[in-house]
Amino acid sequence: MWNLENTYASLNPGLYARQAPTPVSEPHWVLTNPALAESLGLDPTALQGDQLLAICAGNALPPGSVPLAQAYAGHQFGNFTILGDGRAVLLGEQRTPSGDLFDIQLKGSGPTPFSRSGDGRATLGAMLREFIISEALHGLGIATTRSLAVIASGETVYRQHAEPGAVLVRTAASHIRVGTFEYAIRQGGAERVRELADYCIDRHYPDCRQADNRYLALLDAVIQRQANLIAQWMQVGFIHGVMNTDNMTLCGESIDFGPCAFMDEYAAATVYSSIDRQGRYAYNNQPAIGQWNLARLAECLLPLLAEEQATAISLAQDALGSYVDSYQHAWLQGMGRKLGLSNASSEDRPLVEDWLTLLEQHKADFTNSFRALAGDADSLAELPAQPLFDQPAFSQWRQRWQARLAAQALDQTAVTAVMQAHNPQVIARNHQVERALQAASQSGDLQPCNQLLSHLRQPFSSNAGMANYCLPPRAEERVQATFCGT
């Protein structure tokens, strides 16, 4: 069942610390992901057994594991800090039946040399939240780390108050972050960065080996993936909440889901994170923060880009300049498809932007407004009417939109199909997530979690009972702030 490799452990020991997980007292299964287990080459039926439970809880090691905690740094809200896996242990990398390599990491597995006096544990609510959000993004077709299981530890964890503890089993194409490179350049200089960059190329971007300048090719590839990823976030109203450089992966997956959220009413400056008091990571700031983070990666790679610093800086600046065009293209194409445009061009930008302006002016629900345009009357019939659609300004915009649709080759059936394939009916709405987490944490009731997950895994489909999960929050259900689980 296990087919572990330990390629990261073969790197310079300065990039990690050997660390075994700390056992927990009374582990038991809470949530499992059989489909993910099968894709990893693990036996899904073992997700109910004691042997795998012991491994997932950190009470035993799988065959071939060389456990370690990764070292990294990060700019947190713009300020540089030395960090590292303070509550996570990498068990190894699973070679899947398809030949891919995925990290298997335990989160909440106890203290490490990077814990900075922390307890190294995690709360059940925070780990269930990561499970739900990562599955929601995966269901939407957005690259993300995923959760194999949540295991209750049988122990109490103290944050704002006493909460049940848990361990999350997280999988990722890798956990290498921009912050990993920031750590490498400061702790080991250019040669440590070169080793890490070569590892990333071999693992994630093998085509870069053929480039005249493989490290510039690596930078270009990471920029492209991040531009596409952030554009996808924007298209579904997702707000990460903590876009520090230690939360940007080289593989291009979304990672770390603490104070993240999906917007209900559209407002470009929306912030949910309780600690983001200046709005640095607001919804509309995410694209620019993406470029800022990538600039920190480029700084680390400068010694590898060219022998002369001036040449290296010029190459890095050109690469970073391409981010804007890549992001804008990905964003416009995605937004265009949400409006039924098969191939949006720069001339369509005013149409998209004017639609978003209407949404904001009339406090319209982001997800439901797009889906309503897609003509899915059955699924929306039970939802509250949106005043936006009664406004003269909407009628005027709608005429422009329909004229643009008529100018392309797709007929109405094809347009509707495109729109319904790119506009989800269900997102992980904050009040629904909080309701599920409270039921699980306070009374051990997992039914709300499982029901929510069943819809989030098929967000574009019409399923029985889905309408309740499409409802915007009532005033008393609104979630104004979300919190980091550390």
Protein backbone atom coordinates (compact mmCIF):
# COMPACT_ATOMS: atom_id res chain seq x y z
CA MET A 1 0.00 0.00 0.00
CA TRP A 2 2.73 2.45 0.95
CA ASN A 3 5.22 3.37 -1.75
CA LEU A 4 7.14 6.11 0.02
CA GLU A 5 10.19 7.92 -1.24
CA ASN A 6 12.23 10.48 0.67
CA THR A 7 13.61 12.78 -1.99
CA TYR A 8 13.38 15.92 0.16
CA ALA A 9 15.39 14.19 2.87
CA SER A 10 18.21 13.82 0.33
CA LEU A 11 18.66 17.60 0.18
CA ASN A 12 21.05 19.58 2.37
CA PRO A 13 20.08 19.00 6.05
CA GLY A 14 19.99 22.77 6.48
CA LEU A 15 16.59 22.73 4.72
CA TYR A 16 14.87 20.59 7.34
CA ALA A 17 15.10 18.97 10.75
CA ARG A 18 14.63 15.25 11.32
CA GLN A 19 11.54 15.00 13.45
CA ALA A 20 9.11 12.21 14.28
CA PRO A 21 5.49 13.05 15.11
CA THR A 22 4.45 13.07 18.75
CA PRO A 23 1.87 10.35 19.54
CA VAL A 24 -1.62 11.33 20.65
CA SER A 25 -3.59 9.71 23.46
CA GLU A 26 -6.88 8.49 21.99
CA PRO A 27 -7.03 8.81 18.19
CA HIS A 28 -10.17 8.10 16.22
CA TRP A 29 -11.31 8.76 12.67
CA VAL A 30 -13.39 11.88 12.04
CA LEU A 31 -13.37 12.52 8.27
CA THR A 32 -11.72 10.45 5.55
CA ASN A 33 -11.24 10.86 1.81
CA PRO A 34 -11.49 7.42 0.16
CA ALA A 35 -11.31 8.78 -3.41
CA LEU A 36 -8.06 10.59 -2.64
CA ALA A 37 -6.69 7.49 -0.91
CA GLU A 38 -7.35 5.41 -4.00
CA SER A 39 -5.64 7.92 -6.28
CA LEU A 40 -2.59 7.81 -4.00
CA GLY A 41 -2.45 4.02 -4.23
CA LEU A 42 -3.69 3.48 -0.69
CA ASP A 43 -6.44 1.06 0.20
CA PRO A 44 -9.61 3.15 0.83
CA THR A 45 -11.02 0.49 3.15
CA ALA A 46 -7.98 0.94 5.40
CA LEU A 47 -9.32 4.39 6.29
CA GLN A 48 -11.45 2.67 8.90
CA GLY A 49 -8.73 0.44 10.28
CA ASP A 50 -6.48 0.70 13.31
CA GLN A 51 -3.18 0.30 11.46
CA LEU A 52 -3.66 3.30 9.17
CA LEU A 53 -5.25 5.24 12.03
CA ALA A 54 -2.05 4.90 14.04
CA ILE A 55 0.00 6.25 11.12
CA CYS A 56 -2.37 9.12 10.36
CA ALA A 57 -2.46 10.12 14.04
CA GLY A 58 1.33 10.12 14.31
CA ASN A 59 1.44 7.13 16.65
CA ALA A 60 3.31 4.97 14.12
CA LEU A 61 5.35 5.49 10.97
CA PRO A 62 4.59 3.98 7.57
CA PRO A 63 7.21 1.68 6.04
CA GLY A 64 10.08 3.63 4.51
CA SER A 65 9.28 6.93 6.21
CA VAL A 66 12.04 9.40 7.06
CA PRO A 67 9.99 12.00 8.95
CA LEU A 68 11.11 15.62 8.95
CA ALA A 69 9.95 19.18 9.53
CA GLN A 70 10.73 21.55 6.69
CA ALA A 71 12.54 24.81 7.29
CA TYR A 72 11.36 27.98 5.58
CA ALA A 73 11.03 31.70 6.10
CA GLY A 74 8.41 34.15 4.96
CA HIS A 75 7.27 37.70 4.61
CA GLN A 76 4.24 37.83 6.88
CA PHE A 77 2.18 40.93 6.17
CA GLY A 78 5.32 42.32 4.53
CA ASN A 79 7.68 41.60 7.42
CA PHE A 80 10.42 38.98 7.07
CA THR A 81 10.44 36.14 9.62
CA ILE A 82 12.27 32.83 10.00
CA LEU A 83 9.64 30.12 10.27
CA GLY A 84 9.45 26.39 9.52
CA ASP A 85 6.99 23.57 10.13
CA GLY A 86 6.09 24.35 13.72
CA ARG A 87 3.28 21.79 13.90
CA ALA A 88 3.74 19.58 10.85
CA VAL A 89 5.86 16.58 9.92
CA LEU A 90 6.49 15.31 6.38
CA LEU A 91 6.33 11.50 6.43
CA GLY A 92 7.66 11.19 2.89
CA GLU A 93 6.47 11.31 -0.70
CA GLN A 94 4.03 8.71 -1.98
CA ARG A 95 4.65 7.41 -5.50
CA THR A 96 1.16 6.95 -6.93
CA PRO A 97 0.02 4.29 -9.42
CA SER A 98 0.16 6.97 -12.14
CA GLY A 99 3.79 7.71 -11.29
CA ASP A 100 3.24 11.07 -9.60
CA LEU A 101 4.86 12.04 -6.33
CA PHE A 102 2.79 13.51 -3.48
CA ASP A 103 3.90 14.68 -0.05
CA ILE A 104 2.19 13.01 2.88
CA GLN A 105 2.26 15.44 5.79
CA LEU A 106 0.76 15.32 9.28
CA LYS A 107 -0.45 18.71 10.53
CA GLY A 108 -0.97 19.13 14.26
CA SER A 109 1.50 16.31 14.94
CA GLY A 110 3.36 17.93 17.84
CA PRO A 111 6.25 20.32 18.43
CA THR A 112 9.28 20.59 16.17
CA PRO A 113 12.50 22.64 16.32
CA PHE A 114 10.53 25.37 14.50
CA SER A 115 7.60 25.57 16.96
CA ARG A 116 8.82 28.77 18.65
CA SER A 117 7.38 27.68 22.02
CA GLY A 118 4.13 26.54 20.43
CA ASP A 119 2.46 23.27 21.34
CA GLY A 120 2.60 21.91 17.79
CA ARG A 121 -1.02 20.84 17.95
CA ALA A 122 -4.13 21.75 16.00
CA THR A 123 -7.79 22.12 16.82
CA LEU A 124 -10.49 19.92 15.37
CA GLY A 125 -12.38 22.91 13.97
CA ALA A 126 -9.36 24.31 12.13
CA MET A 127 -8.46 20.94 10.61
CA LEU A 128 -12.04 20.26 9.51
CA ARG A 129 -12.06 23.71 7.96
CA GLU A 130 -8.95 22.90 5.92
CA PHE A 131 -10.50 19.61 4.82
CA ILE A 132 -13.70 21.36 3.67
CA ILE A 133 -12.07 24.31 1.91
CA SER A 134 -9.51 22.18 0.09
CA GLU A 135 -12.23 19.84 -1.15
CA ALA A 136 -14.31 22.86 -2.22
CA LEU A 137 -11.43 24.24 -4.29
CA HIS A 138 -10.71 20.81 -5.76
CA GLY A 139 -14.36 20.46 -6.75
CA LEU A 140 -14.13 23.83 -8.52
CA GLY A 141 -11.13 22.59 -10.51
CA ILE A 142 -8.63 24.82 -8.69
CA ALA A 143 -5.18 23.46 -7.85
CA THR A 144 -4.92 22.82 -4.13
CA THR A 145 -3.38 20.71 -1.43
CA ARG A 146 -5.90 18.14 -0.23
CA SER A 147 -6.79 16.34 2.96
CA LEU A 148 -6.71 12.57 3.26
CA ALA A 149 -8.15 12.45 6.77
CA VAL A 150 -8.90 14.29 9.98
CA ILE A 151 -8.20 12.33 13.17
CA ALA A 152 -9.40 13.46 16.58
CA SER A 153 -6.52 13.23 19.04
CA GLY A 154 -8.51 12.72 22.23
CA GLU A 155 -6.62 15.66 23.70
CA THR A 156 -7.52 19.27 24.49
CA VAL A 157 -5.87 22.16 22.65
CA TYR A 158 -5.96 25.68 24.07
CA ARG A 159 -6.39 28.65 21.73
CA GLN A 160 -8.91 31.39 22.58
CA HIS A 161 -10.51 28.66 24.69
CA ALA A 162 -10.24 24.92 25.19
CA GLU A 163 -11.02 22.94 22.03
CA PRO A 164 -10.77 19.30 20.96
CA GLY A 165 -7.49 18.50 19.25
CA ALA A 166 -6.96 16.86 15.86
CA VAL A 167 -4.38 15.82 13.30
CA LEU A 168 -4.83 16.50 9.56
CA VAL A 169 -3.23 14.29 6.92
CA ARG A 170 -2.40 16.68 4.08
CA THR A 171 -1.24 15.77 0.59
CA ALA A 172 0.50 18.14 -1.80
CA ALA A 173 2.46 18.02 -5.01
CA SER A 174 5.07 19.45 -2.65
CA HIS A 175 5.27 21.85 0.27
CA ILE A 176 8.09 23.97 -1.18
CA ARG A 177 7.20 27.63 -0.80
CA VAL A 178 8.58 30.98 -1.85
CA GLY A 179 9.55 31.18 1.82
CA THR A 180 11.64 28.02 1.41
CA PHE A 181 13.81 29.89 -1.08
CA GLU A 182 13.96 32.90 1.24
CA TYR A 183 15.27 30.61 3.95
CA ALA A 184 17.75 28.93 1.60
CA ILE A 185 19.35 32.16 0.35
CA ARG A 186 19.81 33.48 3.88
CA GLN A 187 21.04 30.25 5.45
CA GLY A 188 23.08 28.72 2.65
CA GLY A 189 23.60 31.33 -0.05
CA ALA A 190 23.49 30.81 -3.80
CA GLU A 191 24.53 27.14 -3.74
CA ARG A 192 21.72 26.20 -1.35
CA VAL A 193 19.28 28.02 -3.64
CA ARG A 194 20.74 26.22 -6.65
CA GLU A 195 20.21 22.83 -4.99
CA LEU A 196 16.61 23.72 -4.11
CA ALA A 197 15.92 25.14 -7.58
CA ASP A 198 17.30 22.02 -9.27
CA TYR A 199 15.09 19.89 -7.03
CA CYS A 200 12.02 21.95 -7.99
CA ILE A 201 12.86 21.66 -11.67
CA ASP A 202 13.28 17.90 -11.45
CA ARG A 203 10.08 17.45 -9.45
CA HIS A 204 7.71 20.03 -10.98
CA TYR A 205 9.14 21.58 -14.14
CA PRO A 206 11.31 19.02 -15.97
CA ASP A 207 10.93 20.89 -19.27
CA CYS A 208 13.04 23.69 -17.77
CA ARG A 209 16.09 21.41 -18.00
CA GLN A 210 16.14 21.99 -21.74
CA ALA A 211 16.10 25.79 -21.49
CA ASP A 212 19.19 27.90 -22.13
CA ASN A 213 18.68 29.42 -18.68
CA ARG A 214 16.92 26.79 -16.58
CA TYR A 215 16.53 29.05 -13.54
CA LEU A 216 14.91 31.83 -15.54
CA ALA A 217 12.65 29.19 -17.08
CA LEU A 218 11.76 28.04 -13.57
CA LEU A 219 10.86 31.59 -12.55
CA ASP A 220 8.74 32.02 -15.69
CA ALA A 221 6.92 28.73 -15.05
CA VAL A 222 6.12 29.56 -11.43
CA ILE A 223 4.90 33.01 -12.44
CA GLN A 224 2.55 31.49 -15.02
CA ARG A 225 1.10 28.96 -12.57
CA GLN A 226 0.53 31.55 -9.87
CA ALA A 227 -1.07 33.97 -12.32
CA ASN A 228 -3.50 31.26 -13.39
CA LEU A 229 -4.18 30.18 -9.80
CA ILE A 230 -4.97 33.65 -8.48
CA ALA A 231 -7.15 34.38 -11.52
CA GLN A 232 -9.15 31.27 -10.64
CA TRP A 233 -9.54 32.43 -7.04
CA MET A 234 -10.89 35.73 -8.28
CA GLN A 235 -13.38 34.03 -10.59
CA VAL A 236 -15.10 32.22 -7.71
CA GLY A 237 -14.85 34.98 -5.12
CA PHE A 238 -12.25 33.17 -3.00
CA ILE A 239 -10.23 35.21 -0.53
CA HIS A 240 -7.18 33.40 0.81
CA GLY A 241 -6.74 35.75 3.72
CA VAL A 242 -3.02 35.20 4.45
CA MET A 243 -1.01 35.48 1.24
CA ASN A 244 2.34 35.54 3.01
CA THR A 245 5.29 34.26 1.00
CA ASP A 246 5.31 31.08 3.10
CA ASN A 247 1.80 30.41 1.76
CA MET A 248 2.76 30.53 -1.94
CA THR A 249 3.89 27.17 -3.32
CA LEU A 250 6.32 26.58 -6.17
CA CYS A 251 4.06 23.86 -7.57
CA GLY A 252 1.16 26.30 -7.93
CA GLU A 253 -1.26 24.74 -5.44
CA SER A 254 -3.42 26.67 -2.98
CA ILE A 255 -2.20 25.99 0.55
CA ASP A 256 -3.07 26.79 4.18
CA PHE A 257 -6.72 27.59 4.79
CA GLY A 258 -7.04 29.54 8.01
CA PRO A 259 -8.90 32.85 7.71
CA CYS A 260 -9.97 32.24 4.11
CA ALA A 261 -13.52 32.66 2.83
CA PHE A 262 -15.75 32.86 -0.22
CA MET A 263 -17.60 36.13 -0.79
CA ASP A 264 -21.37 36.30 -0.54
CA GLU A 265 -22.23 39.86 -1.61
CA TYR A 266 -19.73 41.14 -4.13
CA ALA A 267 -17.46 43.83 -2.72
CA ALA A 268 -13.99 44.21 -4.19
CA ALA A 269 -12.38 45.34 -0.92
CA THR A 270 -13.74 42.44 1.13
CA VAL A 271 -11.54 41.22 4.00
CA TYR A 272 -12.44 38.38 6.36
CA SER A 273 -9.23 37.71 8.24
CA SER A 274 -9.41 39.02 11.79
CA ILE A 275 -5.71 39.94 11.72
CA ASP A 276 -5.69 41.74 8.35
CA ARG A 277 -6.62 45.12 9.78
CA GLN A 278 -5.15 47.11 6.88
CA GLY A 279 -6.70 45.01 4.13
CA ARG A 280 -3.37 43.90 2.69
CA TYR A 281 -4.88 40.61 1.56
CA ALA A 282 -8.32 41.90 0.55
CA TYR A 283 -10.01 40.26 -2.44
CA ASN A 284 -9.01 42.98 -4.91
CA ASN A 285 -5.41 43.07 -3.64
CA GLN A 286 -4.71 39.39 -4.29
CA PRO A 287 -3.35 39.79 -7.85
CA ALA A 288 -0.87 42.49 -6.83
CA ILE A 289 0.21 40.56 -3.73
CA GLY A 290 0.85 37.58 -5.99
CA GLN A 291 3.33 39.65 -7.99
CA TRP A 292 4.91 41.01 -4.80
CA ASN A 293 5.48 37.49 -3.51
CA LEU A 294 6.95 36.39 -6.82
CA ALA A 295 9.35 39.31 -6.66
CA ARG A 296 10.69 37.85 -3.41
CA LEU A 297 11.28 34.55 -5.23
CA ALA A 298 13.04 36.38 -8.06
CA GLU A 299 15.36 38.07 -5.54
CA CYS A 300 16.40 34.66 -4.24
CA LEU A 301 17.11 33.40 -7.75
CA LEU A 302 19.17 36.43 -8.84
CA PRO A 303 22.57 34.75 -8.27
CA LEU A 304 21.51 31.92 -10.59
CA LEU A 305 20.02 34.02 -13.39
CA ALA A 306 23.26 35.64 -14.58
CA GLU A 307 26.81 36.26 -13.39
CA GLU A 308 26.43 40.04 -13.59
CA GLN A 309 23.92 41.38 -11.11
CA ALA A 310 22.62 44.06 -13.48
CA THR A 311 21.84 41.41 -16.09
CA ALA A 312 20.18 39.18 -13.49
CA ILE A 313 18.00 42.04 -12.25
CA SER A 314 16.95 42.90 -15.80
CA LEU A 315 15.99 39.29 -16.51
CA ALA A 316 14.02 39.09 -13.27
CA GLN A 317 12.21 42.35 -13.94
CA ASP A 318 11.21 41.21 -17.41
CA ALA A 319 9.91 37.93 -16.01
CA LEU A 320 7.93 39.70 -13.28
CA GLY A 321 6.55 42.10 -15.87
CA SER A 322 5.01 39.16 -17.71
CA TYR A 323 2.93 38.32 -14.63
CA VAL A 324 0.51 41.18 -15.23
CA ASP A 325 -0.24 40.11 -18.81
CA SER A 326 -0.52 36.44 -17.80
CA TYR A 327 -2.88 37.22 -14.94
CA GLN A 328 -5.01 39.62 -16.96
CA HIS A 329 -5.33 37.11 -19.79
CA ALA A 330 -6.29 34.27 -17.43
CA TRP A 331 -8.73 36.49 -15.52
CA LEU A 332 -10.42 37.82 -18.65
CA GLN A 333 -10.72 34.41 -20.28
CA GLY A 334 -12.20 32.96 -17.10
CA MET A 335 -14.62 35.82 -16.52
CA GLY A 336 -15.54 35.69 -20.17
CA ARG A 337 -16.49 32.02 -19.91
CA LYS A 338 -18.61 32.83 -16.86
CA LEU A 339 -20.53 35.19 -19.14
CA GLY A 340 -20.73 32.68 -21.99
CA LEU A 341 -17.92 34.13 -24.13
CA SER A 342 -15.88 31.42 -25.77
CA ASN A 343 -12.82 33.62 -26.31
CA ALA A 344 -12.95 36.98 -24.56
CA SER A 345 -10.73 39.77 -25.86
CA SER A 346 -9.57 43.07 -24.41
CA GLU A 347 -12.64 44.70 -25.96
CA ASP A 348 -14.78 42.63 -23.57
CA ARG A 349 -13.13 43.99 -20.45
CA PRO A 350 -15.59 46.91 -20.02
CA LEU A 351 -18.51 44.47 -20.26
CA VAL A 352 -17.06 42.33 -17.46
CA GLU A 353 -16.04 45.27 -15.28
CA ASP A 354 -19.41 47.00 -15.67
CA TRP A 355 -21.13 43.78 -14.57
CA LEU A 356 -18.97 43.63 -11.45
CA THR A 357 -19.72 47.28 -10.76
CA LEU A 358 -23.45 46.52 -10.90
CA LEU A 359 -22.98 43.64 -8.48
CA GLU A 360 -21.19 45.86 -6.01
CA GLN A 361 -23.57 48.80 -6.31
CA HIS A 362 -26.59 46.61 -5.61
CA LYS A 363 -24.94 44.33 -3.01
CA ALA A 364 -25.73 41.34 -5.18
CA ASP A 365 -24.64 37.82 -4.35
CA PHE A 366 -21.55 37.04 -6.45
CA THR A 367 -22.13 33.33 -7.06
CA ASN A 368 -25.90 33.40 -7.48
CA SER A 369 -25.87 36.41 -9.81
CA PHE A 370 -23.52 34.70 -12.25
CA ARG A 371 -25.46 31.46 -12.03
CA ALA A 372 -28.73 33.30 -12.64
CA LEU A 373 -27.32 34.65 -15.91
CA ALA A 374 -26.61 31.04 -16.86
CA GLY A 375 -30.36 30.42 -16.90
CA ASP A 376 -30.52 27.68 -14.30
CA ALA A 377 -34.02 28.59 -13.20
CA ASP A 378 -34.74 25.31 -11.40
CA SER A 379 -31.87 25.56 -8.95
CA LEU A 380 -32.47 29.26 -8.29
CA ALA A 381 -36.24 29.17 -7.95
CA GLU A 382 -36.11 28.86 -4.17
CA LEU A 383 -33.58 31.67 -3.67
CA PRO A 384 -34.47 35.22 -2.66
CA ALA A 385 -34.99 37.61 -5.56
CA GLN A 386 -32.10 39.98 -6.20
CA PRO A 387 -33.06 43.66 -6.66
CA LEU A 388 -30.25 44.04 -9.18
CA PHE A 389 -32.27 42.34 -11.91
CA ASP A 390 -35.07 44.92 -11.64
CA GLN A 391 -32.77 47.89 -12.23
CA PRO A 392 -32.71 49.89 -15.50
CA ALA A 393 -28.90 49.79 -15.37
CA PHE A 394 -29.02 46.01 -15.48
CA SER A 395 -31.40 46.04 -18.45
CA GLN A 396 -29.00 48.30 -20.32
CA TRP A 397 -26.02 46.10 -19.49
CA ARG A 398 -28.00 42.99 -20.44
CA GLN A 399 -28.66 44.39 -23.91
CA ARG A 400 -24.91 44.92 -24.43
CA TRP A 401 -24.18 41.43 -23.15
CA GLN A 402 -26.75 39.74 -25.40
CA ALA A 403 -25.48 41.68 -28.41
CA ARG A 404 -21.95 40.43 -27.66
CA LEU A 405 -23.22 36.84 -27.34
CA ALA A 406 -25.02 37.13 -30.65
CA ALA A 407 -21.77 38.18 -32.32
CA GLN A 408 -20.01 34.88 -31.57
CA ALA A 409 -20.43 31.51 -33.25
CA LEU A 410 -22.04 29.71 -30.30
CA ASP A 411 -25.79 29.19 -30.23
CA GLN A 412 -27.80 29.72 -27.03
CA THR A 413 -27.61 26.08 -26.00
CA ALA A 414 -23.83 26.14 -26.25
CA VAL A 415 -23.63 29.47 -24.41
CA THR A 416 -25.72 28.10 -21.55
CA ALA A 417 -23.54 25.00 -21.38
CA VAL A 418 -20.36 27.10 -21.17
CA MET A 419 -21.82 29.28 -18.43
CA GLN A 420 -23.15 26.42 -16.35
CA ALA A 421 -19.78 24.67 -16.60
CA HIS A 422 -17.98 27.74 -15.22
CA ASN A 423 -20.47 29.12 -12.69
CA PRO A 424 -20.86 26.94 -9.62
CA GLN A 425 -24.18 26.65 -7.86
CA VAL A 426 -22.54 25.86 -4.53
CA ILE A 427 -19.51 27.35 -2.81
CA ALA A 428 -18.24 26.85 0.72
CA ARG A 429 -20.29 29.71 2.16
CA ASN A 430 -18.93 30.94 5.46
CA HIS A 431 -22.10 30.44 7.47
CA GLN A 432 -22.54 26.90 6.14
CA VAL A 433 -18.92 26.05 6.98
CA GLU A 434 -19.20 27.52 10.46
CA ARG A 435 -22.44 25.63 11.11
CA ALA A 436 -20.78 22.36 10.12
CA LEU A 437 -17.68 23.05 12.22
CA GLN A 438 -19.69 23.93 15.31
CA ALA A 439 -21.79 20.77 15.04
CA ALA A 440 -18.66 18.64 14.74
CA SER A 441 -16.64 20.38 17.46
CA GLN A 442 -19.37 20.92 20.01
CA SER A 443 -21.50 17.80 19.73
CA GLY A 444 -19.56 15.41 17.50
CA ASP A 445 -22.27 15.61 14.82
CA LEU A 446 -20.56 15.09 11.44
CA GLN A 447 -23.70 15.00 9.34
CA PRO A 448 -23.56 18.73 8.45
CA CYS A 449 -19.90 18.34 7.37
CA ASN A 450 -20.65 15.31 5.22
CA GLN A 451 -23.73 16.89 3.62
CA LEU A 452 -21.82 20.07 2.80
CA LEU A 453 -18.91 18.09 1.36
CA SER A 454 -21.23 16.04 -0.87
CA HIS A 455 -22.39 19.23 -2.59
CA LEU A 456 -19.01 20.95 -2.68
CA ARG A 457 -17.56 17.99 -4.56
CA GLN A 458 -20.14 18.53 -7.35
CA PRO A 459 -20.55 22.31 -7.31
CA PHE A 460 -21.74 22.67 -10.90
CA SER A 461 -24.45 20.00 -10.72
CA SER A 462 -28.08 20.17 -9.65
CA ASN A 463 -28.58 17.72 -6.81
CA ALA A 464 -31.43 17.05 -4.42
CA GLY A 465 -31.23 19.26 -1.35
CA MET A 466 -28.74 21.63 -2.94
CA ALA A 467 -30.94 24.75 -2.77
CA ASN A 468 -30.35 25.27 0.95
CA TYR A 469 -26.61 25.40 0.32
CA CYS A 470 -27.07 28.12 -2.31
CA LEU A 471 -28.81 30.48 0.09
CA PRO A 472 -26.92 33.62 1.12
CA PRO A 473 -26.65 34.11 4.87
CA ARG A 474 -29.38 35.85 6.79
CA ALA A 475 -28.28 38.92 8.75
CA GLU A 476 -27.78 36.92 11.94
CA GLU A 477 -25.78 34.25 10.06
CA ARG A 478 -23.19 36.55 8.53
CA VAL A 479 -19.57 35.70 9.30
CA GLN A 480 -17.71 38.99 9.62
CA ALA A 481 -14.28 37.64 10.62
CA THR A 482 -12.37 34.40 10.20
CA PHE A 483 -9.41 33.28 12.27
CA CYS A 484 -6.06 31.57 11.88
CA GLY A 485 -5.96 28.17 13.56
CA THR A 486 -2.46 28.43 15.02
